[in-house]
C-alpha atoms as a PDB file:
ATOM      1  CA  MET A   1      61.189 -52.696 176.819  1.00  0.00           C
ATOM      2  CA  ASN A   2      59.829 -55.455 175.002  1.00  0.00           C
ATOM      3  CA  HIS A   3      57.277 -55.137 172.028  1.00  0.00           C
ATOM      4  CA  ARG A   4      55.280 -57.088 169.497  1.00  0.00           C
ATOM      5  CA  ILE A   5      53.460 -56.576 166.857  1.00  0.00           C
ATOM      6  CA  PHE A   6      50.197 -58.059 165.637  1.00  0.00           C
ATOM      7  CA  GLU A   7      48.093 -58.100 162.205  1.00  0.00           C
ATOM      8  CA  PRO A   8      44.369 -57.244 161.992  1.00  0.00           C
ATOM      9  CA  GLN A   9      42.037 -59.850 160.852  1.00  0.00           C
ATOM     10  CA  GLN A  10      41.207 -58.875 156.906  1.00  0.00           C
ATOM     11  CA  ASN A  11      37.589 -57.219 157.843  1.00  0.00           C
ATOM     12  CA  LEU A  12      39.093 -54.828 159.621  1.00  0.00           C
ATOM     13  CA  ALA A  13      42.349 -54.363 157.884  1.00  0.00           C
ATOM     14  CA  GLU A  14      41.473 -50.733 156.007  1.00  0.00           C
ATOM     15  CA  TRP A  15      40.960 -48.973 159.335  1.00  0.00           C
ATOM     16  CA  ILE A  16      43.390 -50.782 161.881  1.00  0.00           C
ATOM     17  CA  LYS A  17      47.063 -50.572 161.015  1.00  0.00           C
ATOM     18  CA  CYS A  18      48.060 -52.955 163.575  1.00  0.00           C
ATOM     19  CA  TYR A  19      48.123 -54.249 167.372  1.00  0.00           C
ATOM     20  CA  TRP A  20      51.386 -54.279 169.588  1.00  0.00           C
ATOM     21  CA  THR A  21      52.140 -55.302 173.073  1.00  0.00           C
ATOM     22  CA  LEU A  22      54.744 -53.278 175.176  1.00  0.00           C
ATOM     23  CA  GLU A  23      55.704 -54.989 178.075  1.00  0.00           C
ATOM     24  CA  SER A  24      58.518 -54.313 180.572  1.00  0.00           C
ATOM     25  CA  ALA A  25      60.026 -54.548 183.981  1.00  0.00           C
ATOM     26  CA  PHE A  26      59.936 -51.053 186.266  1.00  0.00           C
ATOM     27  CA  GLU A  27      63.499 -50.985 186.835  1.00  0.00           C
ATOM     28  CA  ASN A  28      64.153 -51.526 182.997  1.00  0.00           C
ATOM     29  CA  THR A  29      61.653 -48.766 181.887  1.00  0.00           C
ATOM     30  CA  PRO A  30      62.990 -44.872 181.011  1.00  0.00           C
ATOM     31  CA  LEU A  31      61.352 -42.600 183.783  1.00  0.00           C
ATOM     32  CA  ARG A  32      60.196 -40.356 180.867  1.00  0.00           C
ATOM     33  CA  ASN A  33      58.800 -41.415 177.595  1.00  0.00           C
ATOM     34  CA  THR A  34      58.002 -39.140 175.450  1.00  0.00           C
ATOM     35  CA  ILE A  35      55.557 -40.423 172.513  1.00  0.00           C
ATOM     36  CA  ILE A  36      56.031 -38.455 169.248  1.00  0.00           C
ATOM     37  CA  PRO A  37      53.053 -37.843 167.085  1.00  0.00           C
ATOM     38  CA  ASP A  38      52.626 -40.065 164.202  1.00  0.00           C
ATOM     39  CA  GLY A  39      49.318 -39.047 162.603  1.00  0.00           C
ATOM     40  CA  THR A  40      47.526 -42.083 164.058  1.00  0.00           C
ATOM     41  CA  MET A  41      44.647 -42.398 167.580  1.00  0.00           C
ATOM     42  CA  LYS A  42      45.336 -45.797 169.574  1.00  0.00           C
ATOM     43  CA  LEU A  43      42.923 -47.180 171.884  1.00  0.00           C
ATOM     44  CA  ILE A  44      45.591 -48.214 174.858  1.00  0.00           C
ATOM     45  CA  PHE A  45      45.045 -51.151 177.550  1.00  0.00           C
ATOM     46  CA  HIS A  46      47.141 -50.891 180.577  1.00  0.00           C
ATOM     47  CA  TYR A  47      47.039 -54.562 181.718  1.00  0.00           C
ATOM     48  CA  GLY A  48      49.903 -54.215 184.109  1.00  0.00           C
ATOM     49  CA  ASP A  49      50.390 -50.391 185.718  1.00  0.00           C
ATOM     50  CA  THR A  50      49.402 -47.779 184.549  1.00  0.00           C
ATOM     51  CA  TYR A  51      51.237 -44.534 183.212  1.00  0.00           C
ATOM     52  CA  LYS A  52      50.990 -40.972 184.856  1.00  0.00           C
ATOM     53  CA  HIS A  53      51.232 -37.783 181.780  1.00  0.00           C
ATOM     54  CA  HIS A  54      53.444 -34.797 181.941  1.00  0.00           C
ATOM     55  CA  PRO A  55      51.344 -32.337 180.055  1.00  0.00           C
ATOM     56  CA  ASN A  56      54.128 -29.361 181.439  1.00  0.00           C
ATOM     57  CA  ASP A  57      56.863 -29.196 183.770  1.00  0.00           C
ATOM     58  CA  LYS A  58      54.605 -28.540 186.809  1.00  0.00           C
ATOM     59  CA  GLU A  59      51.422 -30.581 186.148  1.00  0.00           C
ATOM     60  CA  SER A  60      50.732 -34.315 186.216  1.00  0.00           C
ATOM     61  CA  ILE A  61      47.513 -36.123 185.156  1.00  0.00           C
ATOM     62  CA  ILE A  62      47.388 -40.208 186.025  1.00  0.00           C
ATOM     63  CA  LEU A  63      46.060 -41.851 183.081  1.00  0.00           C
ATOM     64  CA  PRO A  64      43.089 -44.465 182.877  1.00  0.00           C
ATOM     65  CA  LYS A  65      43.271 -48.022 182.393  1.00  0.00           C
ATOM     66  CA  TYR A  66      41.915 -47.907 178.956  1.00  0.00           C
ATOM     67  CA  PHE A  67      41.499 -45.068 176.793  1.00  0.00           C
ATOM     68  CA  LEU A  68      41.555 -43.719 173.523  1.00  0.00           C
ATOM     69  CA  ILE A  69      44.455 -41.188 172.497  1.00  0.00           C
ATOM     70  CA  GLY A  70      43.279 -38.130 170.435  1.00  0.00           C
ATOM     71  CA  GLN A  71      45.781 -37.011 167.617  1.00  0.00           C
ATOM     72  CA  LEU A  72      48.973 -35.748 169.048  1.00  0.00           C
ATOM     73  CA  THR A  73      50.325 -32.406 167.655  1.00  0.00           C
ATOM     74  CA  ARG A  74      53.099 -32.264 170.460  1.00  0.00           C
ATOM     75  CA  PRO A  75      55.196 -34.829 172.411  1.00  0.00           C
ATOM     76  CA  TYR A  76      53.345 -36.758 174.685  1.00  0.00           C
ATOM     77  CA  VAL A  77      55.467 -37.208 178.004  1.00  0.00           C
ATOM     78  CA  VAL A  78      54.599 -40.258 180.159  1.00  0.00           C
ATOM     79  CA  GLU A  79      56.095 -41.862 183.061  1.00  0.00           C
ATOM     80  CA  PRO A  80      55.490 -45.418 184.449  1.00  0.00           C
ATOM     81  CA  LEU A  81      53.816 -45.962 187.850  1.00  0.00           C
ATOM     82  CA  GLY A  82      54.627 -49.763 188.131  1.00  0.00           C
ATOM     83  CA  THR A  83      55.470 -52.947 185.429  1.00  0.00           C
ATOM     84  CA  THR A  84      54.178 -51.934 181.589  1.00  0.00           C
ATOM     85  CA  GLY A  85      52.020 -54.373 180.280  1.00  0.00           C
ATOM     86  CA  SER A  86      49.887 -52.132 177.378  1.00  0.00           C
ATOM     87  CA  PHE A  87      48.000 -53.269 174.610  1.00  0.00           C
ATOM     88  CA  ILE A  88      47.324 -50.722 171.762  1.00  0.00           C
ATOM     89  CA  VAL A  89      44.875 -50.558 168.795  1.00  0.00           C
ATOM     90  CA  ARG A  90      46.840 -48.509 166.143  1.00  0.00           C
ATOM     91  CA  PHE A  91      44.068 -47.282 163.691  1.00  0.00           C
ATOM     92  CA  ARG A  92      45.172 -45.806 160.175  1.00  0.00           C
ATOM     93  CA  PRO A  93      44.918 -42.249 159.878  1.00  0.00           C
ATOM     94  CA  ASN A  94      41.408 -42.119 158.780  1.00  0.00           C
ATOM     95  CA  GLY A  95      40.962 -45.503 160.650  1.00  0.00           C
ATOM     96  CA  PHE A  96      38.766 -44.232 163.753  1.00  0.00           C
ATOM     97  CA  LEU A  97      35.754 -42.392 162.633  1.00  0.00           C
ATOM     98  CA  PRO A  98      34.049 -45.541 161.731  1.00  0.00           C
ATOM     99  CA  PHE A  99      33.418 -46.744 165.200  1.00  0.00           C
ATOM    100  CA  ALA A 100      32.653 -43.942 167.183  1.00  0.00           C
ATOM    101  CA  ASN A 101      30.324 -40.656 166.743  1.00  0.00           C
ATOM    102  CA  ILE A 102      32.758 -38.144 167.744  1.00  0.00           C
ATOM    103  CA  ASP A 103      34.592 -34.622 166.883  1.00  0.00           C
ATOM    104  CA  VAL A 104      37.873 -36.091 166.505  1.00  0.00           C
ATOM    105  CA  LYS A 105      39.045 -32.631 166.082  1.00  0.00           C
ATOM    106  CA  LYS A 106      38.312 -31.703 169.515  1.00  0.00           C
ATOM    107  CA  ILE A 107      40.360 -34.312 171.185  1.00  0.00           C
ATOM    108  CA  GLN A 108      43.785 -33.624 169.787  1.00  0.00           C
ATOM    109  CA  ASN A 109      46.352 -34.518 172.735  1.00  0.00           C
ATOM    110  CA  THR A 110      43.775 -35.878 175.018  1.00  0.00           C
ATOM    111  CA  ALA A 111      43.083 -38.976 176.715  1.00  0.00           C
ATOM    112  CA  VAL A 112      39.588 -40.025 176.267  1.00  0.00           C
ATOM    113  CA  PRO A 113      38.127 -42.899 178.861  1.00  0.00           C
ATOM    114  CA  LEU A 114      36.132 -45.198 176.773  1.00  0.00           C
ATOM    115  CA  ASP A 115      33.183 -45.021 178.475  1.00  0.00           C
ATOM    116  CA  LYS A 116      32.848 -41.532 177.389  1.00  0.00           C
ATOM    117  CA  LEU A 117      33.519 -42.561 173.689  1.00  0.00           C
ATOM    118  CA  PHE A 118      31.361 -46.011 173.799  1.00  0.00           C
ATOM    119  CA  GLY A 119      29.131 -45.736 177.278  1.00  0.00           C
ATOM    120  CA  LYS A 120      28.898 -48.962 179.541  1.00  0.00           C
ATOM    121  CA  ASP A 121      30.218 -50.925 176.439  1.00  0.00           C
ATOM    122  CA  GLY A 122      33.351 -49.128 176.482  1.00  0.00           C
ATOM    123  CA  GLU A 123      33.853 -49.707 180.123  1.00  0.00           C
ATOM    124  CA  GLU A 124      32.739 -53.556 179.589  1.00  0.00           C
ATOM    125  CA  ILE A 125      35.375 -54.520 176.696  1.00  0.00           C
ATOM    126  CA  GLY A 126      38.089 -51.980 178.951  1.00  0.00           C
ATOM    127  CA  GLU A 127      37.464 -54.620 181.962  1.00  0.00           C
ATOM    128  CA  GLN A 128      37.922 -57.535 179.384  1.00  0.00           C
ATOM    129  CA  ILE A 129      40.755 -57.195 178.014  1.00  0.00           C
ATOM    130  CA  LEU A 130      42.584 -56.321 181.517  1.00  0.00           C
ATOM    131  CA  ASN A 131      41.397 -59.381 182.752  1.00  0.00           C
ATOM    132  CA  ALA A 132      42.423 -61.414 179.855  1.00  0.00           C
ATOM    133  CA  ASN A 133      44.678 -64.213 179.690  1.00  0.00           C
ATOM    134  CA  SER A 134      46.867 -63.484 176.343  1.00  0.00           C
ATOM    135  CA  THR A 135      47.209 -61.267 173.641  1.00  0.00           C
ATOM    136  CA  SER A 136      45.398 -63.402 171.345  1.00  0.00           C
ATOM    137  CA  GLU A 137      42.286 -63.369 173.393  1.00  0.00           C
ATOM    138  CA  ARG A 138      42.503 -59.470 173.769  1.00  0.00           C
ATOM    139  CA  ILE A 139      42.605 -59.307 169.687  1.00  0.00           C
ATOM    140  CA  GLU A 140      39.131 -61.408 169.656  1.00  0.00           C
ATOM    141  CA  LEU A 141      37.736 -59.321 172.148  1.00  0.00           C
ATOM    142  CA  ILE A 142      38.379 -55.954 170.349  1.00  0.00           C
ATOM    143  CA  GLU A 143      38.088 -57.713 167.209  1.00  0.00           C
ATOM    144  CA  THR A 144      34.570 -58.753 168.173  1.00  0.00           C
ATOM    145  CA  PHE A 145      33.317 -55.436 169.752  1.00  0.00           C
ATOM    146  CA  LEU A 146      34.691 -53.241 166.711  1.00  0.00           C
ATOM    147  CA  LEU A 147      32.870 -55.057 163.999  1.00  0.00           C
ATOM    148  CA  LYS A 148      30.042 -55.107 165.874  1.00  0.00           C
ATOM    149  CA  ARG A 149      30.478 -50.819 165.715  1.00  0.00           C
ATOM    150  CA  LEU A 150      31.054 -50.587 162.055  1.00  0.00           C
ATOM    151  CA  ILE A 151      27.756 -50.408 160.733  1.00  0.00           C
ATOM    152  CA  ASP A 152      28.612 -47.769 157.686  1.00  0.00           C
ATOM    153  CA  LYS A 153      31.966 -48.952 156.252  1.00  0.00           C
ATOM    154  CA  ASN A 154      31.822 -45.988 153.304  1.00  0.00           C
ATOM    155  CA  THR A 155      31.935 -43.210 156.146  1.00  0.00           C
ATOM    156  CA  ILE A 156      35.583 -42.085 154.872  1.00  0.00           C
ATOM    157  CA  ASP A 157      35.429 -39.627 151.646  1.00  0.00           C
ATOM    158  CA  ASN A 158      37.296 -41.268 148.657  1.00  0.00           C
ATOM    159  CA  ILE A 159      39.381 -37.868 148.018  1.00  0.00           C
ATOM    160  CA  VAL A 160      40.312 -38.312 152.101  1.00  0.00           C
ATOM    161  CA  LYS A 161      41.477 -41.284 151.262  1.00  0.00           C
ATOM    162  CA  SER A 162      43.634 -40.629 148.510  1.00  0.00           C
ATOM    163  CA  THR A 163      45.148 -37.605 150.037  1.00  0.00           C
ATOM    164  CA  VAL A 164      46.144 -40.015 153.255  1.00  0.00           C
ATOM    165  CA  GLU A 165      47.658 -42.431 150.473  1.00  0.00           C
ATOM    166  CA  THR A 166      49.787 -39.564 148.760  1.00  0.00           C
ATOM    167  CA  ILE A 167      51.298 -37.783 151.970  1.00  0.00           C
ATOM    168  CA  PHE A 168      52.276 -41.549 152.724  1.00  0.00           C
ATOM    169  CA  LYS A 169      53.645 -42.115 149.590  1.00  0.00           C
ATOM    170  CA  THR A 170      55.996 -39.055 149.166  1.00  0.00           C
ATOM    171  CA  ASN A 171      57.026 -39.379 152.845  1.00  0.00           C
ATOM    172  CA  GLY A 172      55.095 -36.089 153.910  1.00  0.00           C
ATOM    173  CA  GLN A 173      56.686 -34.148 151.020  1.00  0.00           C
ATOM    174  CA  PHE A 174      53.161 -32.955 149.994  1.00  0.00           C
ATOM    175  CA  SER A 175      51.561 -29.934 148.678  1.00  0.00           C
ATOM    176  CA  VAL A 176      48.074 -29.196 149.385  1.00  0.00           C
ATOM    177  CA  ASN A 177      47.432 -26.587 146.724  1.00  0.00           C
ATOM    178  CA  LYS A 178      48.944 -29.354 143.966  1.00  0.00           C
ATOM    179  CA  HIS A 179      47.013 -31.895 145.095  1.00  0.00           C
ATOM    180  CA  SER A 180      43.655 -29.883 145.385  1.00  0.00           C
ATOM    181  CA  LYS A 181      43.867 -29.454 141.717  1.00  0.00           C
ATOM    182  CA  GLN A 182      44.922 -32.824 141.040  1.00  0.00           C
ATOM    183  CA  SER A 183      41.845 -34.430 142.989  1.00  0.00           C
ATOM    184  CA  ASN A 184      39.815 -31.126 141.704  1.00  0.00           C
ATOM    185  CA  ILE A 185      38.538 -30.287 144.382  1.00  0.00           C
ATOM    186  CA  ASN A 186      38.361 -26.759 146.730  1.00  0.00           C
ATOM    187  CA  ARG A 187      41.578 -26.569 149.058  1.00  0.00           C
ATOM    188  CA  ARG A 188      39.442 -25.379 151.480  1.00  0.00           C
ATOM    189  CA  GLN A 189      36.936 -28.155 150.836  1.00  0.00           C
ATOM    190  CA  LEU A 190      39.617 -30.750 150.851  1.00  0.00           C
ATOM    191  CA  THR A 191      41.148 -29.505 154.411  1.00  0.00           C
ATOM    192  CA  ARG A 192      37.455 -29.350 155.860  1.00  0.00           C
ATOM    193  CA  LYS A 193      36.981 -32.862 155.097  1.00  0.00           C
ATOM    194  CA  PHE A 194      40.377 -34.184 155.629  1.00  0.00           C
ATOM    195  CA  SER A 195      40.351 -32.179 159.282  1.00  0.00           C
ATOM    196  CA  SER A 196      36.922 -33.953 160.229  1.00  0.00           C
ATOM    197  CA  THR A 197      37.545 -37.246 159.334  1.00  0.00           C
ATOM    198  CA  ILE A 198      41.639 -37.215 160.640  1.00  0.00           C
ATOM    199  CA  GLY A 199      41.577 -34.811 163.427  1.00  0.00           C
ATOM    200  CA  LEU A 200      44.532 -33.186 161.571  1.00  0.00           C
ATOM    201  CA  SER A 201      44.818 -31.247 158.426  1.00  0.00           C
ATOM    202  CA  PRO A 202      46.594 -32.184 155.553  1.00  0.00           C
ATOM    203  CA  LYS A 203      49.410 -29.940 156.299  1.00  0.00           C
ATOM    204  CA  GLN A 204      49.923 -30.933 159.900  1.00  0.00           C
ATOM    205  CA  LEU A 205      49.698 -34.942 158.472  1.00  0.00           C
ATOM    206  CA  SER A 206      52.270 -34.345 156.312  1.00  0.00           C
ATOM    207  CA  LYS A 207      55.003 -32.268 158.696  1.00  0.00           C
ATOM    208  CA  THR A 208      53.773 -35.287 161.330  1.00  0.00           C
ATOM    209  CA  ILE A 209      55.162 -38.114 158.386  1.00  0.00           C
ATOM    210  CA  ARG A 210      58.072 -36.150 157.512  1.00  0.00           C
ATOM    211  CA  ILE A 211      59.485 -35.871 160.955  1.00  0.00           C
ATOM    212  CA  GLN A 212      58.416 -39.351 161.456  1.00  0.00           C
ATOM    213  CA  ASN A 213      60.804 -40.434 158.624  1.00  0.00           C
ATOM    214  CA  THR A 214      63.567 -37.922 159.709  1.00  0.00           C
ATOM    215  CA  LEU A 215      63.599 -39.841 162.698  1.00  0.00           C
ATOM    216  CA  LYS A 216      63.736 -43.210 161.401  1.00  0.00           C
ATOM    217  CA  THR A 217      66.674 -42.148 158.940  1.00  0.00           C
ATOM    218  CA  LEU A 218      68.687 -40.529 162.395  1.00  0.00           C
ATOM    219  CA  LEU A 219      67.846 -43.891 163.853  1.00  0.00           C
ATOM    220  CA  ASN A 220      68.908 -46.558 161.069  1.00  0.00           C
ATOM    221  CA  LYS A 221      71.623 -44.668 158.670  1.00  0.00           C
ATOM    222  CA  GLU A 222      74.864 -42.896 158.811  1.00  0.00           C
ATOM    223  CA  VAL A 223      73.866 -39.246 158.717  1.00  0.00           C
ATOM    224  CA  ALA A 224      76.455 -36.760 157.206  1.00  0.00           C
ATOM    225  CA  SER A 225      75.405 -33.401 158.566  1.00  0.00           C
ATOM    226  CA  LEU A 226      72.122 -32.286 159.835  1.00  0.00           C
ATOM    227  CA  THR A 227      71.807 -29.931 157.011  1.00  0.00           C
ATOM    228  CA  ASN A 228      72.203 -32.824 154.627  1.00  0.00           C
ATOM    229  CA  LEU A 229      69.335 -34.571 157.033  1.00  0.00           C
ATOM    230  CA  ALA A 230      67.476 -31.448 156.044  1.00  0.00           C
ATOM    231  CA  TYR A 231      67.887 -30.879 152.570  1.00  0.00           C
ATOM    232  CA  GLU A 232      67.321 -34.444 152.242  1.00  0.00           C
ATOM    233  CA  ASN A 233      63.710 -34.442 153.497  1.00  0.00           C
ATOM    234  CA  GLU A 234      62.989 -31.199 151.579  1.00  0.00           C
ATOM    235  CA  TYR A 235      63.090 -28.996 154.395  1.00  0.00           C
ATOM    236  CA  PHE A 236      63.253 -25.257 153.567  1.00  0.00           C
ATOM    237  CA  ASP A 237      66.795 -24.495 155.517  1.00  0.00           C
ATOM    238  CA  GLN A 238      68.135 -26.204 158.498  1.00  0.00           C
ATOM    239  CA  ALA A 239      66.578 -23.369 160.957  1.00  0.00           C
ATOM    240  CA  HIS A 240      62.934 -24.835 159.680  1.00  0.00           C
ATOM    241  CA  PHE A 241      64.222 -28.244 159.824  1.00  0.00           C
ATOM    242  CA  ILE A 242      65.348 -27.693 164.089  1.00  0.00           C
ATOM    243  CA  LYS A 243      62.064 -26.283 164.400  1.00  0.00           C
ATOM    244  CA  ASP A 244      59.660 -28.520 163.261  1.00  0.00           C
ATOM    245  CA  PHE A 245      62.084 -31.156 164.935  1.00  0.00           C
ATOM    246  CA  LYS A 246      61.889 -29.485 168.277  1.00  0.00           C
ATOM    247  CA  GLU A 247      57.963 -28.913 167.789  1.00  0.00           C
ATOM    248  CA  PHE A 248      57.211 -32.793 167.458  1.00  0.00           C
ATOM    249  CA  THR A 249      60.079 -34.002 169.914  1.00  0.00           C
ATOM    250  CA  GLY A 250      61.031 -31.793 172.418  1.00  0.00           C
ATOM    251  CA  LEU A 251      64.339 -31.778 171.150  1.00  0.00           C
ATOM    252  CA  THR A 252      66.955 -30.578 168.807  1.00  0.00           C
ATOM    253  CA  PRO A 253      68.568 -32.879 166.486  1.00  0.00           C
ATOM    254  CA  LYS A 254      71.690 -33.037 168.625  1.00  0.00           C
ATOM    255  CA  GLU A 255      70.013 -33.738 171.750  1.00  0.00           C
ATOM    256  CA  PHE A 256      68.606 -36.791 169.854  1.00  0.00           C
ATOM    257  CA  TYR A 257      71.703 -38.149 169.172  1.00  0.00           C
ATOM    258  CA  GLY A 258      72.090 -39.062 173.301  1.00  0.00           C
ATOM    259  CA  ASP A 259      71.143 -43.003 173.528  1.00  0.00           C
ATOM    260  CA  ASP A 260      69.346 -42.593 176.855  1.00  0.00           C
ATOM    261  CA  LEU A 261      67.161 -40.079 174.912  1.00  0.00           C
ATOM    262  CA  LYS A 262      66.441 -42.453 171.998  1.00  0.00           C
ATOM    263  CA  MET A 263      65.527 -45.570 174.343  1.00  0.00           C
ATOM    264  CA  SER A 264      62.779 -42.970 175.977  1.00  0.00           C
ATOM    265  CA  MET A 265      61.353 -41.722 172.479  1.00  0.00           C
ATOM    266  CA  ILE A 266      58.264 -43.667 171.566  1.00  0.00           C
ATOM    267  CA  PHE A 267      57.940 -43.234 167.611  1.00  0.00           C
ATOM    268  CA  ASP A 268      56.772 -45.038 164.319  1.00  0.00           C
ATOM    269  CA  ASN A 269      59.378 -47.611 164.399  1.00  0.00           C
ATOM    270  CA  ILE A 270      57.244 -50.468 164.987  1.00  0.00           C
ATOM    271  CA  ASP A 271      56.454 -51.513 161.200  1.00  0.00           C
END
């Protein structure tokens, strides 16, 4: 599978982390791909063939050609139905809210078609991006669309921004109690503001970022033992580490070591 990353223009960099494309012939694409939660929402446009989502072993849902994927709290398993050609807008954790009037908490683990988000405008931009001739044209189209919708740039509370920054700086090793005291804000108030903006609680985002950091370690470094890896990422013990790992990936850490499984997992390794 071939992916490329593109930076947003400066006017949108506060809300959009990057754009990326994913292309692959059907025979070169794993039959099942597991998307691991990474704390961000994404607009996805399948200009190739679409994908099928497997919420469990018995059900399957054909995904729309263009949609928003809400915050993930569990592995999201998809299956290609043909040639992969996908254009993805990856928002920052607090980046989507200024562009749409939607309760982000209610769309966890959900693919929302663009016409439900943006009405007729959503359908129009979806078709324009599918019919575009190049990635640069797709980026120009989506940036023009999003800039027109960016009316209130101050939608995101500064406390929420600082909390997100702290979670990332600490690689998810984050205490809600400690941060609420340092920020001089009630813990419940912080959690409520954060959840309504991000679609996850501070604790959920922290767990997500910590598991992402652990996955990168497993992929890029020699790990002496799973026990050392657990303690390095400040898990209480190995049992807690294994539980969290399986919650987010659907696999145990030992199962992750299989090359075929690694190839079929999509997580935040594109920075």
